Amino acid sequence: MTREELQRLVDLIVGELTAATARPQSRCACHLVLDDCCPDRLRGVLDAGATRVGLHATGGAPAGVASMIDHTLLKPDATRAGIEELCREAAQFKFATVCVNPTWVALASRLLSGTGVKVCSVVGFPLGATTPDVKGYETRRAIFDGAREIDMVINVGALKSGDLRVVECDIEAVTGPCRDAGALSKVII
């Protein structure tokens, strides 16, 4: 891949992210969750090869789809009661995971013990602009507290700058501890 092709790819990704965050959020009529919760709405995403989708915490989902959904509460003002409700919903609907900020991993792990619902946490959230050693520590700590999946926010600034070695180190700082612990890791751009 040439430097120009890489820059075009980065520009496309950043443009898509900007457009996605600028659109107004709507709720579906059937489950009152944000955006694409229903099987017919998800069909295109699943046909394209997705094995999981994210869903913000505010309701349920059809049973056939729930096991592919990460039920998420990543607000900075999330409360213990909010996390407890998130975990109750996840257990009830059999979501794949709950995705919570690192401070709530231990609680979510205790609440979901024995339910089959895994705990996912985020590293470098929301900006991705921390150093690889910090992301590595966040990863190890979240796994220690009970996370079985880690979502990391990539260093978009390094990617846009073409600093691919920095991006590689950033990703390895998270995927290494995940591999060692048998945890799943996902990169978010």
Protein backbone atom coordinates (compact mmCIF):
# COMPACT_ATOMS: atom_id res chain seq x y z
CA MET A 1 0.00 0.00 0.00
CA THR A 2 1.42 3.37 -0.99
CA ARG A 3 1.50 6.37 1.33
CA GLU A 4 -1.19 8.03 -0.82
CA GLU A 5 -3.44 4.95 -0.63
CA LEU A 6 -2.95 4.80 3.12
CA GLN A 7 -3.84 8.49 3.46
CA ARG A 8 -6.96 7.96 1.32
CA LEU A 9 -7.98 5.03 3.55
CA VAL A 10 -7.42 7.06 6.70
CA ASP A 11 -9.42 9.98 5.24
CA LEU A 12 -12.29 7.64 4.34
CA ILE A 13 -12.37 6.09 7.82
CA VAL A 14 -12.26 9.46 9.56
CA GLY A 15 -14.97 10.78 7.21
CA GLU A 16 -17.24 7.82 7.97
CA LEU A 17 -16.69 8.18 11.70
CA THR A 18 -17.47 11.88 11.54
CA ALA A 19 -20.63 11.27 9.51
CA ALA A 20 -21.77 8.49 11.86
CA THR A 21 -21.43 10.60 14.97
CA ALA A 22 -23.13 13.61 13.36
CA ARG A 23 -26.38 11.85 12.46
CA PRO A 24 -29.28 12.12 14.88
CA GLN A 25 -29.96 9.05 16.98
CA SER A 26 -33.31 7.38 16.57
CA ARG A 27 -35.00 4.52 18.33
CA CYS A 28 -36.69 1.60 16.64
CA ALA A 29 -40.39 1.20 17.28
CA CYS A 30 -40.22 -2.45 18.26
CA HIS A 31 -37.68 -2.43 21.12
CA LEU A 32 -36.95 1.25 21.74
CA VAL A 33 -33.22 0.68 21.41
CA LEU A 34 -30.96 2.98 19.47
CA ASP A 35 -30.95 2.41 15.72
CA ASP A 36 -30.45 -1.02 14.14
CA CYS A 37 -31.69 -3.63 16.59
CA CYS A 38 -34.08 -5.71 14.54
CA PRO A 39 -33.06 -8.82 12.57
CA ASP A 40 -34.20 -7.35 9.25
CA ARG A 41 -32.17 -4.21 9.89
CA LEU A 42 -29.13 -6.26 10.90
CA ARG A 43 -29.32 -8.69 7.99
CA GLY A 44 -27.04 -6.61 5.75
CA VAL A 45 -24.47 -6.24 8.51
CA LEU A 46 -24.53 -9.97 9.26
CA ASP A 47 -24.40 -10.90 5.57
CA ALA A 48 -21.33 -8.70 5.24
CA GLY A 49 -19.55 -10.93 7.76
CA ALA A 50 -20.12 -9.32 11.16
CA THR A 51 -20.22 -11.76 14.03
CA ARG A 52 -21.15 -9.16 16.65
CA VAL A 53 -22.78 -5.75 16.84
CA GLY A 54 -22.92 -3.08 19.54
CA LEU A 55 -26.09 -1.90 21.26
CA HIS A 56 -26.46 0.98 23.68
CA ALA A 57 -28.16 0.18 26.99
CA THR A 58 -31.85 1.08 26.83
CA GLY A 59 -33.85 -2.04 26.12
CA GLY A 60 -33.87 -5.57 24.81
CA ALA A 61 -33.38 -7.25 21.47
CA PRO A 62 -34.90 -10.17 19.57
CA ALA A 63 -33.74 -13.49 21.03
CA GLY A 64 -32.10 -14.71 17.82
CA VAL A 65 -29.92 -11.62 17.64
CA ALA A 66 -29.10 -11.04 21.31
CA SER A 67 -26.20 -13.51 21.44
CA MET A 68 -24.38 -11.39 18.84
CA ILE A 69 -24.78 -8.10 20.70
CA ASP A 70 -22.44 -6.29 23.06
CA HIS A 71 -24.78 -4.52 25.50
CA THR A 72 -22.97 -1.27 26.26
CA LEU A 73 -22.92 1.43 28.93
CA LEU A 74 -19.85 3.62 28.50
CA LYS A 75 -21.13 6.96 29.73
CA PRO A 76 -18.71 8.82 32.02
CA ASP A 77 -21.53 9.32 34.53
CA ALA A 78 -22.66 5.68 34.56
CA THR A 79 -23.74 4.70 38.05
CA ARG A 80 -23.68 1.45 39.98
CA ALA A 81 -27.46 1.20 39.50
CA GLY A 82 -27.01 1.66 35.76
CA ILE A 83 -24.41 -1.10 35.60
CA GLU A 84 -26.62 -3.40 37.66
CA GLU A 85 -29.53 -2.77 35.26
CA LEU A 86 -27.26 -3.36 32.26
CA CYS A 87 -26.18 -6.71 33.70
CA ARG A 88 -29.77 -7.72 34.52
CA GLU A 89 -30.81 -6.98 30.93
CA ALA A 90 -27.80 -8.81 29.53
CA ALA A 91 -28.54 -11.91 31.59
CA GLN A 92 -32.26 -11.76 30.77
CA PHE A 93 -31.80 -11.39 27.01
CA LYS A 94 -28.60 -13.51 26.83
CA PHE A 95 -26.44 -10.84 25.21
CA ALA A 96 -22.90 -11.85 24.24
CA THR A 97 -21.28 -9.31 26.56
CA VAL A 98 -21.76 -6.21 28.59
CA CYS A 99 -19.24 -3.54 27.65
CA VAL A 100 -18.34 -1.24 30.52
CA ASN A 101 -15.67 1.23 31.50
CA PRO A 102 -12.74 -0.33 33.41
CA THR A 103 -13.94 0.90 36.80
CA TRP A 104 -17.06 -1.32 36.52
CA VAL A 105 -15.44 -4.56 35.28
CA ALA A 106 -15.15 -6.27 38.67
CA LEU A 107 -18.77 -5.50 39.58
CA ALA A 108 -20.10 -6.62 36.19
CA SER A 109 -18.02 -9.78 36.38
CA ARG A 110 -19.49 -10.66 39.80
CA LEU A 111 -23.04 -9.88 38.69
CA LEU A 112 -22.75 -11.98 35.52
CA SER A 113 -20.96 -14.95 37.02
CA GLY A 114 -22.61 -18.15 35.83
CA THR A 115 -24.91 -16.43 33.30
CA GLY A 116 -22.82 -17.09 30.18
CA VAL A 117 -22.63 -13.35 29.49
CA LYS A 118 -19.03 -12.13 29.24
CA VAL A 119 -17.65 -8.80 30.38
CA CYS A 120 -15.98 -6.55 27.82
CA SER A 121 -14.10 -3.38 28.68
CA VAL A 122 -12.58 -0.54 26.73
CA VAL A 123 -8.95 0.53 26.59
CA GLY A 124 -7.88 4.01 25.55
CA PHE A 125 -11.50 5.10 25.51
CA PRO A 126 -12.76 7.43 24.19
CA LEU A 127 -9.89 9.14 22.34
CA GLY A 128 -7.29 6.41 21.81
CA ALA A 129 -4.56 8.98 22.39
CA THR A 130 -2.79 7.30 25.28
CA THR A 131 0.56 5.56 25.03
CA PRO A 132 0.89 1.83 24.36
CA ASP A 133 2.23 1.12 27.87
CA VAL A 134 -0.87 2.71 29.41
CA LYS A 135 -3.14 0.68 27.12
CA GLY A 136 -1.20 -2.45 28.07
CA TYR A 137 -1.71 -1.77 31.77
CA GLU A 138 -5.41 -1.00 31.26
CA THR A 139 -5.74 -4.30 29.39
CA ARG A 140 -4.01 -6.39 32.05
CA ARG A 141 -6.00 -4.74 34.85
CA ALA A 142 -9.35 -5.23 33.08
CA ILE A 143 -8.54 -8.91 32.50
CA PHE A 144 -7.48 -9.27 36.14
CA ASP A 145 -10.84 -7.75 37.19
CA GLY A 146 -12.79 -10.23 35.03
CA ALA A 147 -13.00 -8.87 31.47
CA ARG A 148 -12.89 -11.57 28.83
CA GLU A 149 -13.00 -9.17 25.90
CA ILE A 150 -11.17 -5.90 25.35
CA ASP A 151 -12.13 -3.19 22.88
CA MET A 152 -9.30 -0.75 22.22
CA VAL A 153 -9.57 2.65 20.61
CA ILE A 154 -6.74 2.96 18.12
CA ASN A 155 -4.45 5.98 18.10
CA VAL A 156 -6.16 7.72 15.17
CA GLY A 157 -3.68 10.62 15.28
CA ALA A 158 -0.77 8.23 14.75
CA LEU A 159 -2.69 6.47 11.96
CA LYS A 160 -3.47 9.77 10.23
CA SER A 161 0.18 10.79 10.58
CA GLY A 162 1.29 7.57 8.89
CA ASP A 163 3.14 6.44 12.04
CA LEU A 164 2.36 2.79 11.42
CA ARG A 165 5.02 1.56 13.87
CA VAL A 166 3.30 3.54 16.65
CA VAL A 167 -0.05 2.05 15.62
CA GLU A 168 1.45 -1.44 15.57
CA CYS A 169 2.92 -0.99 19.06
CA ASP A 170 -0.40 0.41 20.24
CA ILE A 171 -2.31 -2.64 19.01
CA GLU A 172 0.29 -5.15 20.26
CA ALA A 173 0.18 -3.61 23.75
CA VAL A 174 -3.44 -4.75 23.94
CA THR A 175 -3.51 -7.92 21.86
CA GLY A 176 -0.46 -9.44 23.61
CA PRO A 177 -2.00 -9.58 27.10
CA CYS A 178 -5.31 -10.69 25.56
CA ARG A 179 -3.61 -13.60 23.80
CA ASP A 180 -1.78 -14.54 27.00
CA ALA A 181 -5.04 -14.59 28.97
CA GLY A 182 -7.23 -16.17 26.27
CA ALA A 183 -9.30 -12.98 26.00
CA LEU A 184 -10.72 -11.58 22.78
CA SER A 185 -9.47 -8.19 21.57
CA LYS A 186 -11.12 -5.83 19.10
CA VAL A 187 -9.71 -2.66 17.58
CA ILE A 188 -12.00 0.35 17.23
CA ILE A 189 -11.18 3.14 14.84
